[in-house]
């Protein structure tokens, strides 16, 4: 079968790989749509995220929709969202409900576990979430990043009418913005230095948008926002979040910084008495993500701006990495026909 293979940084090729063989109890899935995530871009640009390094030709892609072919508990033809995380279920963190922190997790699309930028894949039945009949493949694929946003807001413990600032208006930032509104945010601000992304935040409900975090201090008359959700790829993002949040406020770090390091001034966060949480992937939130889309409380279609066939995956990654043509999220269709 065909697959998009990353050989090394910026070296992405279409090639042939063996068809997957389902293990005991696993379902065989036909991949319908795959969203390009910011973490995929880190692998594409750097060949790694921290210690997770691309050693051999590797298939990326962890936010995806698929159709059941055989196996599992669902009838063939069922469109499903697929949770890419397969925690061990036996460690301390799994037993205490923190499956997203499982150190033994098998995560689809993170080395050495092949991802979904291919034609077929397998998955355990507990990782499959059937969607309403009117959901298309792109919508279904974007339930995974929506789940990341829901989990981050769970960590933020937002109170009604608190002010929220989102740093970074990429796809995750735009989802954080919308979920924060549904969680009761009062004033909602978005910061992004790229004009078209800031404008997308405005269209999706931000009360104020700007290119730099200092605007948050202007809008709040120097006080800062109650909660800052950081979703950038900049090593300076956490520091900017700490500057923009109020004394005693809360910061949730969602972004993955370039170079695997970030800057944070110790005296600033100590003197402000900040609560800082780091968000890793998501918990059990797919059912809520589906409900949010079904009830039209969150818009996914405006985020999926570009659509490609599998053969055009290298072009899609280059476009996304270079912020060209107003791209927010590129969606790959391994079997075509849905663009």
Protein backbone atom coordinates (compact mmCIF):
# COMPACT_ATOMS: atom_id res chain seq x y z
CA UNK A 1 0.00 0.00 0.00
CA UNK A 2 1.03 3.63 -0.45
CA UNK A 3 2.34 5.76 2.41
CA UNK A 4 4.03 9.12 3.00
CA UNK A 5 7.46 8.30 4.45
CA UNK A 6 9.69 10.76 6.32
CA UNK A 7 13.32 9.75 5.77
CA UNK A 8 14.90 12.69 7.56
CA UNK A 9 14.12 16.36 8.19
CA UNK A 10 12.37 17.86 5.13
CA UNK A 11 12.75 14.61 3.18
CA UNK A 12 9.21 13.29 2.71
CA UNK A 13 8.46 10.80 -0.07
CA UNK A 14 5.56 8.67 -1.25
CA UNK A 15 6.43 4.99 -1.24
CA UNK A 16 5.16 1.46 -0.71
CA UNK A 17 4.91 -0.34 2.63
CA UNK A 18 3.43 -3.74 3.56
CA UNK A 19 -0.28 -3.94 4.29
CA UNK A 20 -0.96 -4.03 8.05
CA UNK A 21 -2.00 -7.30 9.67
CA UNK A 22 -4.50 -6.87 12.54
CA UNK A 23 -3.51 -8.43 15.85
CA UNK A 24 -5.95 -10.40 18.02
CA UNK A 25 -9.12 -8.35 18.49
CA UNK A 26 -7.84 -5.43 16.41
CA UNK A 27 -9.82 -3.72 13.66
CA UNK A 28 -8.51 -3.13 10.16
CA UNK A 29 -9.22 0.46 9.11
CA UNK A 30 -9.23 2.30 5.81
CA UNK A 31 -7.79 5.76 6.44
CA UNK A 32 -10.13 8.44 5.14
CA UNK A 33 -8.55 11.74 6.28
CA UNK A 34 -5.46 12.87 8.21
CA UNK A 35 -4.84 16.35 9.62
CA UNK A 36 -1.30 17.75 9.70
CA UNK A 37 -0.55 18.64 13.31
CA UNK A 38 2.06 21.00 14.74
CA UNK A 39 3.90 18.01 16.20
CA UNK A 40 4.03 16.46 12.71
CA UNK A 41 5.71 19.66 11.56
CA UNK A 42 8.36 19.29 14.27
CA UNK A 43 9.22 15.85 12.90
CA UNK A 44 9.18 17.22 9.36
CA UNK A 45 11.40 20.24 10.15
CA UNK A 46 13.72 18.78 12.80
CA UNK A 47 13.42 15.00 12.51
CA UNK A 48 12.57 14.76 16.19
CA UNK A 49 10.61 16.02 19.18
CA UNK A 50 12.93 15.79 22.17
CA UNK A 51 14.11 12.20 22.47
CA UNK A 52 11.56 10.90 19.95
CA UNK A 53 13.68 10.77 16.80
CA UNK A 54 13.07 9.54 13.28
CA UNK A 55 15.63 6.75 12.81
CA UNK A 56 14.19 4.87 9.81
CA UNK A 57 11.67 5.88 7.12
CA UNK A 58 8.69 6.80 9.25
CA UNK A 59 4.95 7.35 8.70
CA UNK A 60 3.56 10.39 10.49
CA UNK A 61 -0.08 11.26 11.20
CA UNK A 62 -2.04 10.89 14.44
CA UNK A 63 -5.20 12.98 13.95
CA UNK A 64 -7.28 10.90 11.57
CA UNK A 65 -10.62 9.50 10.52
CA UNK A 66 -11.02 5.97 9.24
CA UNK A 67 -13.60 3.52 7.99
CA UNK A 68 -13.91 0.10 9.60
CA UNK A 69 -13.01 -2.67 7.15
CA UNK A 70 -13.17 -5.71 9.42
CA UNK A 71 -12.67 -6.80 13.00
CA UNK A 72 -13.47 -5.03 16.23
CA UNK A 73 -17.02 -4.40 17.46
CA UNK A 74 -18.33 -2.01 14.79
CA UNK A 75 -19.89 -2.96 11.45
CA UNK A 76 -17.83 -2.52 8.28
CA UNK A 77 -18.23 0.91 6.73
CA UNK A 78 -18.55 2.74 10.06
CA UNK A 79 -16.74 6.10 10.06
CA UNK A 80 -14.73 6.52 13.24
CA UNK A 81 -12.43 8.95 14.95
CA UNK A 82 -9.37 7.10 16.22
CA UNK A 83 -7.63 7.89 19.50
CA UNK A 84 -3.93 7.59 18.58
CA UNK A 85 -2.85 6.83 22.19
CA UNK A 86 -2.73 3.23 23.36
CA UNK A 87 -1.73 3.38 27.06
CA UNK A 88 -0.53 0.25 28.84
CA UNK A 89 -3.47 0.19 31.28
CA UNK A 90 -1.35 -1.31 34.08
CA UNK A 91 1.00 1.42 35.30
CA UNK A 92 0.47 3.76 38.26
CA UNK A 93 -0.67 6.61 36.03
CA UNK A 94 -3.16 4.50 34.09
CA UNK A 95 -4.61 3.18 37.35
CA UNK A 96 -5.07 6.73 38.66
CA UNK A 97 -6.89 7.89 35.52
CA UNK A 98 -3.99 9.75 33.88
CA UNK A 99 -3.78 7.62 30.75
CA UNK A 100 -2.37 10.57 28.80
CA UNK A 101 0.74 10.45 31.02
CA UNK A 102 1.39 6.72 30.62
CA UNK A 103 5.16 6.31 30.10
CA UNK A 104 4.61 3.05 28.20
CA UNK A 105 2.08 4.47 25.74
CA UNK A 106 2.10 3.40 22.10
CA UNK A 107 1.27 6.59 20.24
CA UNK A 108 0.37 6.29 16.57
CA UNK A 109 2.50 8.64 14.48
CA UNK A 110 5.27 9.08 17.06
CA UNK A 111 8.50 7.11 16.52
CA UNK A 112 8.76 4.17 16.44
CA UNK A 113 5.00 3.66 15.93
CA UNK A 114 3.81 4.25 12.37
CA UNK A 115 1.04 6.76 11.80
CA UNK A 116 -1.93 7.23 9.51
CA UNK A 117 -0.48 8.90 6.41
CA UNK A 118 -1.12 5.70 4.51
CA UNK A 119 -4.05 3.71 3.12
CA UNK A 120 -4.74 1.20 5.89
CA UNK A 121 -3.98 0.99 9.62
CA UNK A 122 -5.02 -1.18 12.57
CA UNK A 123 -6.31 -0.15 16.00
CA UNK A 124 -7.86 -1.73 19.09
CA UNK A 125 -11.66 -1.38 19.28
CA UNK A 126 -11.56 0.74 22.44
CA UNK A 127 -9.76 3.45 20.46
CA UNK A 128 -12.56 3.79 17.89
CA UNK A 129 -15.30 6.38 18.26
CA UNK A 130 -18.18 6.23 15.74
CA UNK A 131 -19.45 9.62 14.66
CA UNK A 132 -22.89 10.92 13.61
CA UNK A 133 -23.90 10.17 10.02
CA UNK A 134 -23.55 13.80 8.90
CA UNK A 135 -19.90 14.10 9.99
CA UNK A 136 -17.47 14.10 7.07
CA UNK A 137 -13.97 12.67 7.21
CA UNK A 138 -12.19 16.01 7.81
CA UNK A 139 -14.51 16.90 10.69
CA UNK A 140 -13.93 13.47 12.20
CA UNK A 141 -10.14 13.80 11.92
CA UNK A 142 -10.20 17.16 13.68
CA UNK A 143 -11.90 15.67 16.74
CA UNK A 144 -8.41 14.71 17.96
CA UNK A 145 -7.02 18.29 18.17
CA UNK A 146 -10.38 19.41 19.57
CA UNK A 147 -9.85 16.81 22.29
CA UNK A 148 -6.45 18.36 23.04
CA UNK A 149 -8.16 21.73 23.49
CA UNK A 150 -10.86 20.29 25.76
CA UNK A 151 -8.21 18.64 27.94
CA UNK A 152 -6.27 21.92 28.22
CA UNK A 153 -9.41 23.75 29.37
CA UNK A 154 -10.03 21.00 31.92
CA UNK A 155 -6.58 21.78 33.33
CA UNK A 156 -7.30 25.54 33.33
CA UNK A 157 -10.32 25.14 35.64
CA UNK A 158 -11.91 28.19 34.08
CA UNK A 159 -14.49 30.10 36.11
CA UNK A 160 -17.45 31.90 34.51
CA UNK A 161 -16.56 35.32 33.07
CA UNK A 162 -12.82 35.02 33.67
CA UNK A 163 -10.70 36.67 31.00
CA UNK A 164 -8.70 34.33 28.76
CA UNK A 165 -5.82 35.02 26.43
CA UNK A 166 -4.67 32.50 23.82
CA UNK A 167 -1.12 32.87 22.55
CA UNK A 168 -0.82 31.35 19.08
CA UNK A 169 -3.71 31.18 16.61
CA UNK A 170 -2.82 28.00 14.80
CA UNK A 171 -5.34 25.19 14.72
CA UNK A 172 -4.89 24.31 18.41
CA UNK A 173 -5.09 27.95 19.44
CA UNK A 174 -8.27 28.48 17.45
CA UNK A 175 -9.82 25.44 19.10
CA UNK A 176 -8.72 26.61 22.56
CA UNK A 177 -10.39 29.92 21.82
CA UNK A 178 -13.71 28.32 20.95
CA UNK A 179 -13.69 25.84 23.82
CA UNK A 180 -12.80 28.59 26.30
CA UNK A 181 -15.89 30.51 25.22
CA UNK A 182 -18.03 27.43 25.80
CA UNK A 183 -16.44 27.02 29.23
CA UNK A 184 -17.65 30.47 30.28
CA UNK A 185 -14.83 32.86 29.37
CA UNK A 186 -15.74 36.52 29.60
CA UNK A 187 -13.27 38.59 27.58
CA UNK A 188 -11.36 36.47 25.09
CA UNK A 189 -8.10 37.62 23.50
CA UNK A 190 -5.88 36.04 20.84
CA UNK A 191 -2.29 36.83 19.95
CA UNK A 192 -0.49 35.81 16.78
CA UNK A 193 2.18 37.68 14.77
CA UNK A 194 0.82 36.30 11.47
CA UNK A 195 -2.01 38.55 10.35
CA UNK A 196 -4.23 35.97 8.66
CA UNK A 197 -4.13 33.73 11.74
CA UNK A 198 -5.02 36.63 14.03
CA UNK A 199 -7.92 37.46 11.71
CA UNK A 200 -9.09 33.84 11.85
CA UNK A 201 -9.19 34.17 15.65
CA UNK A 202 -11.33 37.28 15.32
CA UNK A 203 -13.79 35.47 13.05
CA UNK A 204 -14.00 32.58 15.51
CA UNK A 205 -14.93 34.77 18.44
CA UNK A 206 -11.95 36.61 19.90
CA UNK A 207 -12.91 39.98 21.41
CA UNK A 208 -9.46 41.36 20.72
CA UNK A 209 -6.59 40.24 18.49
CA UNK A 210 -3.05 41.53 18.16
CA UNK A 211 0.41 40.52 17.05
CA UNK A 212 2.21 40.73 20.41
CA UNK A 213 1.36 39.73 23.97
CA UNK A 214 1.83 43.29 25.27
CA UNK A 215 -1.61 44.08 23.87
CA UNK A 216 -3.12 41.92 26.63
CA UNK A 217 -1.68 44.24 29.25
CA UNK A 218 -3.07 47.24 27.35
CA UNK A 219 -6.54 45.67 27.10
CA UNK A 220 -6.58 44.80 30.81
CA UNK A 221 -5.05 48.13 31.95
CA UNK A 222 -1.90 46.41 33.16
CA UNK A 223 -3.62 43.72 35.21
CA UNK A 224 -3.22 40.79 32.83
CA UNK A 225 -5.64 38.02 31.88
CA UNK A 226 -6.98 35.59 34.46
CA UNK A 227 -5.93 32.60 32.36
CA UNK A 228 -3.38 32.38 29.54
CA UNK A 229 -3.37 29.38 27.20
CA UNK A 230 -0.04 29.15 25.39
CA UNK A 231 -0.16 27.35 22.03
CA UNK A 232 2.90 28.59 20.17
CA UNK A 233 6.03 26.85 18.89
CA UNK A 234 8.27 29.58 20.28
CA UNK A 235 10.77 29.04 23.13
CA UNK A 236 9.63 32.49 24.33
CA UNK A 237 5.94 31.49 24.47
CA UNK A 238 5.87 30.47 28.16
CA UNK A 239 7.66 33.66 29.19
CA UNK A 240 5.19 35.76 27.23
CA UNK A 241 2.35 33.86 28.88
CA UNK A 242 3.80 34.62 32.32
CA UNK A 243 4.11 38.30 31.39
CA UNK A 244 0.51 38.46 30.14
CA UNK A 245 -1.26 36.72 33.04
CA UNK A 246 -2.42 38.49 36.20
CA UNK A 247 -0.88 38.08 39.64
CA UNK A 248 -2.14 34.78 41.03
CA UNK A 249 -3.33 33.74 37.57
CA UNK A 250 -3.13 30.44 35.73
CA UNK A 251 -1.09 29.43 32.69
CA UNK A 252 -1.54 26.26 30.65
CA UNK A 253 1.30 25.42 28.27
CA UNK A 254 0.00 23.49 25.27
CA UNK A 255 2.55 24.31 22.57
CA UNK A 256 5.73 22.39 21.73
CA UNK A 257 8.70 24.78 21.50
CA UNK A 258 11.28 24.61 18.76
CA UNK A 259 14.56 23.20 20.04
CA UNK A 260 12.91 21.39 22.99
CA UNK A 261 13.64 24.25 25.42
CA UNK A 262 11.72 27.30 26.60
CA UNK A 263 12.47 30.47 28.53
CA UNK A 264 10.82 31.31 31.85
CA UNK A 265 11.97 33.96 34.30
CA UNK A 266 11.94 32.42 37.78
CA UNK A 267 11.48 35.64 39.74
CA UNK A 268 8.51 36.68 37.62
CA UNK A 269 6.53 33.48 38.07
CA UNK A 270 7.44 33.30 41.78
CA UNK A 271 6.49 36.88 42.58
CA UNK A 272 3.24 36.55 40.68
CA UNK A 273 2.48 33.28 42.48
CA UNK A 274 1.41 31.65 39.22
CA UNK A 275 -0.11 28.24 38.73
CA UNK A 276 1.52 26.74 35.63
CA UNK A 277 0.35 23.47 34.11
CA UNK A 278 1.69 21.61 31.10
CA UNK A 279 -0.86 19.87 28.92
CA UNK A 280 0.05 16.53 27.34
CA UNK A 281 -2.29 15.15 24.70
CA UNK A 282 -5.72 14.44 26.23
CA UNK A 283 -7.79 12.34 28.59
CA UNK A 284 -11.06 10.56 27.78
CA UNK A 285 -12.74 13.45 25.97
CA UNK A 286 -13.85 12.14 22.56
CA UNK A 287 -17.52 11.94 23.53
CA UNK A 288 -17.49 15.59 24.58
CA UNK A 289 -15.66 16.58 21.40
CA UNK A 290 -18.32 14.87 19.30
CA UNK A 291 -21.10 16.57 21.27
CA UNK A 292 -19.49 20.00 20.87
CA UNK A 293 -19.37 19.64 17.10
CA UNK A 294 -22.79 18.03 16.80
CA UNK A 295 -24.38 20.87 18.79
CA UNK A 296 -22.49 23.45 16.66
CA UNK A 297 -20.77 24.94 19.68
CA UNK A 298 -17.41 24.65 17.91
CA UNK A 299 -16.58 25.25 14.26
CA UNK A 300 -14.05 22.92 12.63
CA UNK A 301 -14.63 23.62 8.93
CA UNK A 302 -12.96 27.09 8.95
CA UNK A 303 -9.82 25.52 10.40
CA UNK A 304 -9.47 22.84 7.70
CA UNK A 305 -8.40 25.31 5.03
CA UNK A 306 -6.43 23.12 2.60
CA UNK A 307 -7.04 19.64 1.20
CA UNK A 308 -4.65 17.24 -0.56
CA UNK A 309 -4.39 13.72 -1.88
CA UNK A 310 -1.76 11.40 -0.42
CA UNK A 311 0.53 11.96 -3.41
CA UNK A 312 0.65 15.68 -2.55
CA UNK A 313 1.65 15.19 1.10
CA UNK A 314 5.16 16.69 0.60
CA UNK A 315 3.58 19.82 -0.89
CA UNK A 316 1.10 20.01 1.99
CA UNK A 317 3.86 19.88 4.61
CA UNK A 318 5.94 22.50 2.81
CA UNK A 319 2.92 24.80 2.59
CA UNK A 320 2.11 24.34 6.27
CA UNK A 321 5.71 24.83 7.41
CA UNK A 322 6.07 28.07 5.45
CA UNK A 323 2.66 29.54 6.46
CA UNK A 324 1.73 30.07 2.80
CA UNK A 325 -1.63 30.72 1.20
CA UNK A 326 -3.44 31.41 4.47
CA UNK A 327 -3.08 27.81 5.62
CA UNK A 328 -4.37 26.88 9.07
CA UNK A 329 -4.79 23.11 8.77
CA UNK A 330 -4.03 20.84 5.82
CA UNK A 331 -6.02 17.62 5.52
CA UNK A 332 -4.70 14.64 3.56
CA UNK A 333 -7.09 12.14 1.91
CA UNK A 334 -5.24 8.86 1.22
CA UNK A 335 -8.00 7.66 -1.11
CA UNK A 336 -8.84 11.06 -2.63
CA UNK A 337 -12.32 12.11 -3.61
CA UNK A 338 -13.11 14.33 -0.61
CA UNK A 339 -11.45 17.58 -1.54
